[in-house]
Amino acid sequence: MRRGAAAPALVVCALLVGAAAVGAQDLKRPEEQLAAIYALKVQLEVEQQRLDDTLQDYLKTSAAREEARTRVRHLYDDLDGMISGKTDATPEDVDAREAEIARAEQDLETLTRRGRELRLGLRDSHERITLLQDRLGRLRKALPSDTESLTGTWTVTYLPSGDKGTFILRQSGTLLVGEYALEGGWRGSLQGTIVNGKVLLHRIDSKLGSSQSLEGNLAPDGRTLRGHWQNYILSGGEPTTGDWVAEKKERPES
């Protein structure tokens, strides 16, 4: 592992050990669990990239170490020939070869030490990856399941303005993603969760960015959502909070 990255890696490892000590049940809200899962996935990608980089560095170092070892062996063979008289050499030649051997042995020692450091870095990376994967697995198991499917097209009405629009939602477990189009030309994406019939959506407008949150409850029939909305962006003279209702469109008959 590069010397510059060693200290941050130790800090990250300490933070992960601390995080591992906190049970998934300590993250009460599903959105907190989802945020933690996302953060862990990002850290896992970073750690896997660090592992790949360290492995490449180790392979290069190993090849250089073997080349240095071969050079030391050849220099000793030359020196042995000089000392035994098999090769004509002056005392100066012998001294020069001794100096070459000393430098080559120093290079070999440096590469050997570097390889040892990299092996320790690889082991640490594997341990951190295992810790992250374990943490991810426990968080994913802790997410509550939801059997109601919100996947589909919903007709939405905002109150008190009466503005209408369309939400197109796709549900995967407790996660919701989608797109929306509202009267007035407002368009963008939707992200959120559904847990035990309770829905939380965030509107990300194509022009304004993150602009609104919507909380609501799914009716027992699974076809109506009712709740409360709140704007992140204040607009003079217009309501910043209100209610909303959404009804799921019937699928066209095939």
C-alpha atoms as a PDB file:
ATOM      1  CA  MET A   1       0.000   0.000   0.000  1.00  0.00           C
ATOM      2  CA  ARG A   2       1.297   3.482  -0.835  1.00  0.00           C
ATOM      3  CA  ARG A   3       2.727   5.278   2.179  1.00  0.00           C
ATOM      4  CA  GLY A   4       0.476   8.285   1.584  1.00  0.00           C
ATOM      5  CA  ALA A   5      -2.635   6.076   1.744  1.00  0.00           C
ATOM      6  CA  ALA A   6      -1.582   4.094   4.823  1.00  0.00           C
ATOM      7  CA  ALA A   7      -2.793   6.570   7.451  1.00  0.00           C
ATOM      8  CA  PRO A   8      -6.223   7.220   5.833  1.00  0.00           C
ATOM      9  CA  ALA A   9      -6.680   3.482   5.388  1.00  0.00           C
ATOM     10  CA  LEU A  10      -6.073   2.945   9.104  1.00  0.00           C
ATOM     11  CA  VAL A  11      -8.608   5.658   9.918  1.00  0.00           C
ATOM     12  CA  VAL A  12     -11.187   4.071   7.589  1.00  0.00           C
ATOM     13  CA  CYS A  13     -10.538   0.682   9.145  1.00  0.00           C
ATOM     14  CA  ALA A  14     -11.088   2.126  12.635  1.00  0.00           C
ATOM     15  CA  LEU A  15     -14.343   3.748  11.511  1.00  0.00           C
ATOM     16  CA  LEU A  16     -15.552   0.501   9.975  1.00  0.00           C
ATOM     17  CA  VAL A  17     -14.753  -1.432  13.131  1.00  0.00           C
ATOM     18  CA  GLY A  18     -16.782   1.135  15.049  1.00  0.00           C
ATOM     19  CA  ALA A  19     -19.633   0.867  12.553  1.00  0.00           C
ATOM     20  CA  ALA A  20     -19.615  -2.906  12.805  1.00  0.00           C
ATOM     21  CA  ALA A  21     -20.206  -2.596  16.527  1.00  0.00           C
ATOM     22  CA  VAL A  22     -23.484  -0.774  15.839  1.00  0.00           C
ATOM     23  CA  GLY A  23     -26.277  -3.206  15.063  1.00  0.00           C
ATOM     24  CA  ALA A  24     -28.565  -2.718  12.075  1.00  0.00           C
ATOM     25  CA  GLN A  25     -31.425  -2.327  14.531  1.00  0.00           C
ATOM     26  CA  ASP A  26     -29.859   0.964  15.706  1.00  0.00           C
ATOM     27  CA  LEU A  27     -30.779   2.507  12.360  1.00  0.00           C
ATOM     28  CA  LYS A  28     -34.493   2.802  13.013  1.00  0.00           C
ATOM     29  CA  ARG A  29     -35.699   4.572   9.878  1.00  0.00           C
ATOM     30  CA  PRO A  30     -35.543   2.716   6.545  1.00  0.00           C
ATOM     31  CA  GLU A  31     -34.131   5.786   4.817  1.00  0.00           C
ATOM     32  CA  GLU A  32     -31.275   5.761   7.350  1.00  0.00           C
ATOM     33  CA  GLN A  33     -30.626   2.108   6.559  1.00  0.00           C
ATOM     34  CA  LEU A  34     -30.708   2.801   2.820  1.00  0.00           C
ATOM     35  CA  ALA A  35     -28.316   5.727   3.227  1.00  0.00           C
ATOM     36  CA  ALA A  36     -25.972   3.516   5.232  1.00  0.00           C
ATOM     37  CA  ILE A  37     -26.168   0.793   2.564  1.00  0.00           C
ATOM     38  CA  TYR A  38     -25.311   3.308  -0.149  1.00  0.00           C
ATOM     39  CA  ALA A  39     -22.351   4.665   1.851  1.00  0.00           C
ATOM     40  CA  LEU A  40     -21.061   1.149   2.498  1.00  0.00           C
ATOM     41  CA  LYS A  41     -21.401   0.217  -1.178  1.00  0.00           C
ATOM     42  CA  VAL A  42     -19.356   3.284  -2.154  1.00  0.00           C
ATOM     43  CA  GLN A  43     -16.704   2.415   0.442  1.00  0.00           C
ATOM     44  CA  LEU A  44     -16.688  -1.197  -0.773  1.00  0.00           C
ATOM     45  CA  GLU A  45     -16.029  -0.040  -4.336  1.00  0.00           C
ATOM     46  CA  VAL A  46     -13.200   2.196  -3.085  1.00  0.00           C
ATOM     47  CA  GLU A  47     -11.713  -0.667  -1.064  1.00  0.00           C
ATOM     48  CA  GLN A  48     -11.918  -3.100  -3.973  1.00  0.00           C
ATOM     49  CA  GLN A  49     -10.182  -0.576  -6.227  1.00  0.00           C
ATOM     50  CA  ARG A  50      -7.494  -0.103  -3.571  1.00  0.00           C
ATOM     51  CA  LEU A  51      -7.091  -3.880  -3.423  1.00  0.00           C
ATOM     52  CA  ASP A  52      -6.709  -4.088  -7.210  1.00  0.00           C
ATOM     53  CA  ASP A  53      -4.137  -1.268  -7.216  1.00  0.00           C
ATOM     54  CA  THR A  54      -2.157  -2.842  -4.378  1.00  0.00           C
ATOM     55  CA  LEU A  55      -2.197  -6.238  -6.095  1.00  0.00           C
ATOM     56  CA  GLN A  56      -0.853  -4.719  -9.324  1.00  0.00           C
ATOM     57  CA  ASP A  57       1.855  -2.934  -7.334  1.00  0.00           C
ATOM     58  CA  TYR A  58       2.741  -6.194  -5.590  1.00  0.00           C
ATOM     59  CA  LEU A  59       3.032  -8.116  -8.860  1.00  0.00           C
ATOM     60  CA  LYS A  60       5.357  -5.456 -10.288  1.00  0.00           C
ATOM     61  CA  THR A  61       7.425  -5.445  -7.116  1.00  0.00           C
ATOM     62  CA  SER A  62       7.654  -9.245  -7.151  1.00  0.00           C
ATOM     63  CA  ALA A  63       8.921  -9.230 -10.745  1.00  0.00           C
ATOM     64  CA  ALA A  64      11.491  -6.538  -9.900  1.00  0.00           C
ATOM     65  CA  ARG A  65      12.572  -8.510  -6.811  1.00  0.00           C
ATOM     66  CA  GLU A  66      13.217 -11.628  -8.879  1.00  0.00           C
ATOM     67  CA  GLU A  67      15.227  -9.598 -11.395  1.00  0.00           C
ATOM     68  CA  ALA A  68      17.277  -8.126  -8.538  1.00  0.00           C
ATOM     69  CA  ARG A  69      17.848 -11.599  -7.071  1.00  0.00           C
ATOM     70  CA  THR A  70      19.063 -12.870 -10.454  1.00  0.00           C
ATOM     71  CA  ARG A  71      21.419  -9.906 -10.766  1.00  0.00           C
ATOM     72  CA  VAL A  72      22.891 -10.556  -7.322  1.00  0.00           C
ATOM     73  CA  ARG A  73      23.468 -14.213  -8.231  1.00  0.00           C
ATOM     74  CA  HIS A  74      25.224 -13.301 -11.490  1.00  0.00           C
ATOM     75  CA  LEU A  75      27.420 -10.729  -9.740  1.00  0.00           C
ATOM     76  CA  TYR A  76      28.455 -13.322  -7.162  1.00  0.00           C
ATOM     77  CA  ASP A  77      29.248 -15.783  -9.945  1.00  0.00           C
ATOM     78  CA  ASP A  78      31.512 -13.149 -11.526  1.00  0.00           C
ATOM     79  CA  LEU A  79      33.129 -12.371  -8.179  1.00  0.00           C
ATOM     80  CA  ASP A  80      33.701 -16.062  -7.429  1.00  0.00           C
ATOM     81  CA  GLY A  81      35.410 -16.416 -10.814  1.00  0.00           C
ATOM     82  CA  MET A  82      37.686 -13.485 -10.022  1.00  0.00           C
ATOM     83  CA  ILE A  83      38.567 -14.788  -6.561  1.00  0.00           C
ATOM     84  CA  SER A  84      39.201 -18.360  -7.766  1.00  0.00           C
ATOM     85  CA  GLY A  85      41.373 -17.201 -10.656  1.00  0.00           C
ATOM     86  CA  LYS A  86      39.052 -18.505 -13.349  1.00  0.00           C
ATOM     87  CA  THR A  87      38.663 -14.923 -14.537  1.00  0.00           C
ATOM     88  CA  ASP A  88      41.528 -12.476 -14.918  1.00  0.00           C
ATOM     89  CA  ALA A  89      40.914  -9.483 -12.665  1.00  0.00           C
ATOM     90  CA  THR A  90      42.846  -6.787 -10.892  1.00  0.00           C
ATOM     91  CA  PRO A  91      42.251  -5.844  -7.253  1.00  0.00           C
ATOM     92  CA  GLU A  92      40.412  -2.805  -8.553  1.00  0.00           C
ATOM     93  CA  ASP A  93      38.116  -5.081 -10.581  1.00  0.00           C
ATOM     94  CA  VAL A  94      37.355  -7.111  -7.462  1.00  0.00           C
ATOM     95  CA  ASP A  95      36.637  -3.981  -5.439  1.00  0.00           C
ATOM     96  CA  ALA A  96      34.358  -2.669  -8.167  1.00  0.00           C
ATOM     97  CA  ARG A  97      32.449  -5.949  -8.261  1.00  0.00           C
ATOM     98  CA  GLU A  98      32.109  -5.943  -4.453  1.00  0.00           C
ATOM     99  CA  ALA A  99      30.612  -2.451  -4.653  1.00  0.00           C
ATOM    100  CA  GLU A 100      28.150  -3.590  -7.351  1.00  0.00           C
ATOM    101  CA  ILE A 101      27.105  -6.515  -5.188  1.00  0.00           C
ATOM    102  CA  ALA A 102      26.531  -4.233  -2.199  1.00  0.00           C
ATOM    103  CA  ARG A 103      24.293  -1.939  -4.256  1.00  0.00           C
ATOM    104  CA  ALA A 104      22.413  -4.883  -5.794  1.00  0.00           C
ATOM    105  CA  GLU A 105      21.861  -6.466  -2.376  1.00  0.00           C
ATOM    106  CA  GLN A 106      20.559  -3.153  -1.063  1.00  0.00           C
ATOM    107  CA  ASP A 107      18.110  -2.958  -3.985  1.00  0.00           C
ATOM    108  CA  LEU A 108      17.013  -6.530  -3.308  1.00  0.00           C
ATOM    109  CA  GLU A 109      16.486  -5.769   0.395  1.00  0.00           C
ATOM    110  CA  THR A 110      14.397  -2.689  -0.479  1.00  0.00           C
ATOM    111  CA  LEU A 111      12.203  -4.673  -2.878  1.00  0.00           C
ATOM    112  CA  THR A 112      11.838  -7.506  -0.368  1.00  0.00           C
ATOM    113  CA  ARG A 113      10.743  -5.050   2.324  1.00  0.00           C
ATOM    114  CA  ARG A 114       8.347  -3.359  -0.111  1.00  0.00           C
ATOM    115  CA  GLY A 115       6.801  -6.716  -1.007  1.00  0.00           C
ATOM    116  CA  ARG A 116       6.272  -7.484   2.684  1.00  0.00           C
ATOM    117  CA  GLU A 117       4.508  -4.139   3.191  1.00  0.00           C
ATOM    118  CA  LEU A 118       2.285  -4.750   0.184  1.00  0.00           C
ATOM    119  CA  ARG A 119       1.337  -8.230   1.426  1.00  0.00           C
ATOM    120  CA  LEU A 120       0.264  -6.699   4.731  1.00  0.00           C
ATOM    121  CA  GLY A 121      -1.736  -4.099   2.792  1.00  0.00           C
ATOM    122  CA  LEU A 122      -3.459  -6.830   0.779  1.00  0.00           C
ATOM    123  CA  ARG A 123      -4.380  -8.683   3.950  1.00  0.00           C
ATOM    124  CA  ASP A 124      -5.781  -5.493   5.505  1.00  0.00           C
ATOM    125  CA  SER A 125      -7.823  -4.779   2.356  1.00  0.00           C
ATOM    126  CA  HIS A 126      -9.287  -8.289   2.385  1.00  0.00           C
ATOM    127  CA  GLU A 127     -10.240  -7.856   6.044  1.00  0.00           C
ATOM    128  CA  ARG A 128     -11.892  -4.491   5.386  1.00  0.00           C
ATOM    129  CA  ILE A 129     -13.790  -5.878   2.386  1.00  0.00           C
ATOM    130  CA  THR A 130     -15.036  -8.791   4.477  1.00  0.00           C
ATOM    131  CA  LEU A 131     -16.139  -6.358   7.181  1.00  0.00           C
ATOM    132  CA  LEU A 132     -17.960  -4.162   4.669  1.00  0.00           C
ATOM    133  CA  GLN A 133     -19.686  -7.125   3.020  1.00  0.00           C
ATOM    134  CA  ASP A 134     -20.810  -8.450   6.392  1.00  0.00           C
ATOM    135  CA  ARG A 135     -22.159  -5.038   7.378  1.00  0.00           C
ATOM    136  CA  LEU A 136     -23.986  -4.700   4.049  1.00  0.00           C
ATOM    137  CA  GLY A 137     -25.533  -8.127   4.413  1.00  0.00           C
ATOM    138  CA  ARG A 138     -26.838  -7.394   7.908  1.00  0.00           C
ATOM    139  CA  LEU A 139     -28.280  -4.031   6.850  1.00  0.00           C
ATOM    140  CA  ARG A 140     -30.026  -5.553   3.832  1.00  0.00           C
ATOM    141  CA  LYS A 141     -31.565  -8.269   6.019  1.00  0.00           C
ATOM    142  CA  ALA A 142     -32.771  -5.609   8.451  1.00  0.00           C
ATOM    143  CA  LEU A 143     -34.729  -3.747   5.779  1.00  0.00           C
ATOM    144  CA  PRO A 144     -38.434  -4.440   6.209  1.00  0.00           C
ATOM    145  CA  SER A 145     -40.165  -6.113   3.325  1.00  0.00           C
ATOM    146  CA  ASP A 146     -43.235  -4.743   1.613  1.00  0.00           C
ATOM    147  CA  THR A 147     -45.536  -6.922  -0.419  1.00  0.00           C
ATOM    148  CA  GLU A 148     -47.582  -4.130  -2.001  1.00  0.00           C
ATOM    149  CA  SER A 149     -46.439  -3.170  -5.479  1.00  0.00           C
ATOM    150  CA  LEU A 150     -46.380   0.520  -6.361  1.00  0.00           C
ATOM    151  CA  THR A 151     -44.989  -0.169  -9.806  1.00  0.00           C
ATOM    152  CA  GLY A 152     -47.176   1.588 -12.344  1.00  0.00           C
ATOM    153  CA  THR A 153     -48.596   4.952 -13.394  1.00  0.00           C
ATOM    154  CA  TRP A 154     -50.322   7.172 -10.835  1.00  0.00           C
ATOM    155  CA  THR A 155     -52.529  10.224 -11.386  1.00  0.00           C
ATOM    156  CA  VAL A 156     -51.538  12.815  -8.772  1.00  0.00           C
ATOM    157  CA  THR A 157     -53.490  15.808  -7.462  1.00  0.00           C
ATOM    158  CA  TYR A 158     -51.868  18.504  -5.315  1.00  0.00           C
ATOM    159  CA  LEU A 159     -53.923  20.359  -2.712  1.00  0.00           C
ATOM    160  CA  PRO A 160     -54.854  23.135  -2.113  1.00  0.00           C
ATOM    161  CA  SER A 161     -53.872  24.230  -5.664  1.00  0.00           C
ATOM    162  CA  GLY A 162     -55.590  21.350  -7.467  1.00  0.00           C
ATOM    163  CA  ASP A 163     -52.598  20.949  -9.812  1.00  0.00           C
ATOM    164  CA  LYS A 164     -52.436  17.548 -11.437  1.00  0.00           C
ATOM    165  CA  GLY A 165     -49.709  15.368 -12.852  1.00  0.00           C
ATOM    166  CA  THR A 166     -48.441  11.849 -13.361  1.00  0.00           C
ATOM    167  CA  PHE A 167     -46.043   9.733 -11.324  1.00  0.00           C
ATOM    168  CA  ILE A 168     -44.489   6.673 -12.966  1.00  0.00           C
ATOM    169  CA  LEU A 169     -43.108   4.485 -10.188  1.00  0.00           C
ATOM    170  CA  ARG A 170     -41.007   1.336 -10.106  1.00  0.00           C
ATOM    171  CA  GLN A 171     -40.725  -0.593  -6.863  1.00  0.00           C
ATOM    172  CA  SER A 172     -37.890  -2.965  -5.938  1.00  0.00           C
ATOM    173  CA  GLY A 173     -38.338  -4.234  -2.388  1.00  0.00           C
ATOM    174  CA  THR A 174     -38.581  -1.120  -0.254  1.00  0.00           C
ATOM    175  CA  LEU A 175     -36.959   1.114  -2.870  1.00  0.00           C
ATOM    176  CA  LEU A 176     -38.899   3.400  -5.201  1.00  0.00           C
ATOM    177  CA  VAL A 177     -37.637   5.182  -8.300  1.00  0.00           C
ATOM    178  CA  GLY A 178     -39.478   6.851 -11.143  1.00  0.00           C
ATOM    179  CA  GLU A 179     -40.295   9.947 -13.142  1.00  0.00           C
ATOM    180  CA  TYR A 180     -42.970  12.622 -12.939  1.00  0.00           C
ATOM    181  CA  ALA A 181     -44.638  15.234 -15.119  1.00  0.00           C
ATOM    182  CA  LEU A 182     -46.768  18.025 -13.598  1.00  0.00           C
ATOM    183  CA  GLU A 183     -48.907  20.784 -15.007  1.00  0.00           C
ATOM    184  CA  GLY A 184     -46.833  23.802 -15.922  1.00  0.00           C
ATOM    185  CA  GLY A 185     -44.125  21.753 -17.627  1.00  0.00           C
ATOM    186  CA  TRP A 186     -42.420  20.506 -14.456  1.00  0.00           C
ATOM    187  CA  ARG A 187     -40.575  17.230 -14.969  1.00  0.00           C
ATOM    188  CA  GLY A 188     -37.966  15.209 -13.177  1.00  0.00           C
ATOM    189  CA  SER A 189     -37.185  12.027 -11.258  1.00  0.00           C
ATOM    190  CA  LEU A 190     -38.498  10.431  -8.073  1.00  0.00           C
ATOM    191  CA  GLN A 191     -36.613   8.507  -5.400  1.00  0.00           C
ATOM    192  CA  GLY A 192     -37.923   7.063  -2.173  1.00  0.00           C
ATOM    193  CA  THR A 193     -39.017   4.144  -0.034  1.00  0.00           C
ATOM    194  CA  ILE A 194     -42.127   2.235   0.991  1.00  0.00           C
ATOM    195  CA  VAL A 195     -42.211   0.486   4.352  1.00  0.00           C
ATOM    196  CA  ASN A 196     -45.331  -1.046   5.877  1.00  0.00           C
ATOM    197  CA  GLY A 197     -47.523   0.982   3.548  1.00  0.00           C
ATOM    198  CA  LYS A 198     -45.807   4.283   4.395  1.00  0.00           C
ATOM    199  CA  VAL A 199     -44.344   6.088   1.385  1.00  0.00           C
ATOM    200  CA  LEU A 200     -41.571   8.680   1.311  1.00  0.00           C
ATOM    201  CA  LEU A 201     -40.740  10.289  -2.035  1.00  0.00           C
ATOM    202  CA  HIS A 202     -38.238  12.963  -3.034  1.00  0.00           C
ATOM    203  CA  ARG A 203     -38.798  15.018  -6.171  1.00  0.00           C
ATOM    204  CA  ILE A 204     -35.661  15.926  -8.123  1.00  0.00           C
ATOM    205  CA  ASP A 205     -36.671  18.525 -10.682  1.00  0.00           C
ATOM    206  CA  SER A 206     -34.867  18.654 -14.031  1.00  0.00           C
ATOM    207  CA  LYS A 207     -34.359  22.421 -13.604  1.00  0.00           C
ATOM    208  CA  LEU A 208     -34.359  23.075  -9.854  1.00  0.00           C
ATOM    209  CA  GLY A 209     -32.772  19.909  -8.485  1.00  0.00           C
ATOM    210  CA  SER A 210     -34.051  18.471  -5.196  1.00  0.00           C
ATOM    211  CA  SER A 211     -37.289  20.411  -4.748  1.00  0.00           C
ATOM    212  CA  GLN A 212     -39.901  18.563  -2.680  1.00  0.00           C
ATOM    213  CA  SER A 213     -40.644  15.706  -0.275  1.00  0.00           C
ATOM    214  CA  LEU A 214     -43.888  13.768  -0.173  1.00  0.00           C
ATOM    215  CA  GLU A 215     -45.011  11.524   2.680  1.00  0.00           C
ATOM    216  CA  GLY A 216     -48.066   9.362   2.404  1.00  0.00           C
ATOM    217  CA  ASN A 217     -49.881   6.135   3.186  1.00  0.00           C
ATOM    218  CA  LEU A 218     -51.009   3.424   0.832  1.00  0.00           C
ATOM    219  CA  ALA A 219     -54.686   2.556   1.096  1.00  0.00           C
ATOM    220  CA  PRO A 220     -55.619  -1.080   1.898  1.00  0.00           C
ATOM    221  CA  ASP A 221     -56.718  -1.611  -1.712  1.00  0.00           C
ATOM    222  CA  GLY A 222     -53.177  -0.764  -2.868  1.00  0.00           C
ATOM    223  CA  ARG A 223     -54.470   1.733  -5.423  1.00  0.00           C
ATOM    224  CA  THR A 224     -54.603   5.047  -3.554  1.00  0.00           C
ATOM    225  CA  LEU A 225     -51.923   7.144  -1.888  1.00  0.00           C
ATOM    226  CA  ARG A 226     -52.714  10.067   0.412  1.00  0.00           C
ATOM    227  CA  GLY A 227     -50.343  12.266   2.318  1.00  0.00           C
ATOM    228  CA  HIS A 228     -48.553  15.544   2.882  1.00  0.00           C
ATOM    229  CA  TRP A 229     -46.021  17.427   0.710  1.00  0.00           C
ATOM    230  CA  GLN A 230     -43.425  20.068   1.535  1.00  0.00           C
ATOM    231  CA  ASN A 231     -41.305  22.204  -0.780  1.00  0.00           C
ATOM    232  CA  TYR A 232     -37.578  22.624  -0.242  1.00  0.00           C
ATOM    233  CA  ILE A 233     -37.537  25.729  -2.437  1.00  0.00           C
ATOM    234  CA  LEU A 234     -39.571  28.667  -1.140  1.00  0.00           C
ATOM    235  CA  SER A 235     -41.555  30.658  -3.690  1.00  0.00           C
ATOM    236  CA  GLY A 236     -43.031  34.025  -2.728  1.00  0.00           C
ATOM    237  CA  GLY A 237     -46.789  34.002  -2.315  1.00  0.00           C
ATOM    238  CA  GLU A 238     -47.250  30.289  -3.036  1.00  0.00           C
ATOM    239  CA  PRO A 239     -47.975  27.518  -0.506  1.00  0.00           C
ATOM    240  CA  THR A 240     -44.929  25.619   0.738  1.00  0.00           C
ATOM    241  CA  THR A 241     -46.882  22.697   2.213  1.00  0.00           C
ATOM    242  CA  GLY A 242     -50.098  20.892   1.485  1.00  0.00           C
ATOM    243  CA  ASP A 243     -51.744  17.555   0.831  1.00  0.00           C
ATOM    244  CA  TRP A 244     -51.636  15.201  -2.128  1.00  0.00           C
ATOM    245  CA  VAL A 245     -53.543  12.209  -3.380  1.00  0.00           C
ATOM    246  CA  ALA A 246     -52.580   9.712  -6.080  1.00  0.00           C
ATOM    247  CA  GLU A 247     -54.661   7.027  -7.754  1.00  0.00           C
ATOM    248  CA  LYS A 248     -53.143   4.150  -9.677  1.00  0.00           C
ATOM    249  CA  LYS A 249     -54.213   3.884 -13.303  1.00  0.00           C
ATOM    250  CA  GLU A 250     -55.705   0.646 -14.482  1.00  0.00           C
ATOM    251  CA  ARG A 251     -53.529  -1.345 -16.845  1.00  0.00           C
ATOM    252  CA  PRO A 252     -54.933  -1.312 -20.372  1.00  0.00           C
ATOM    253  CA  GLU A 253     -56.502  -4.598 -21.355  1.00  0.00           C
ATOM    254  CA  SER A 254     -54.376  -6.603 -23.752  1.00  0.00           C
END
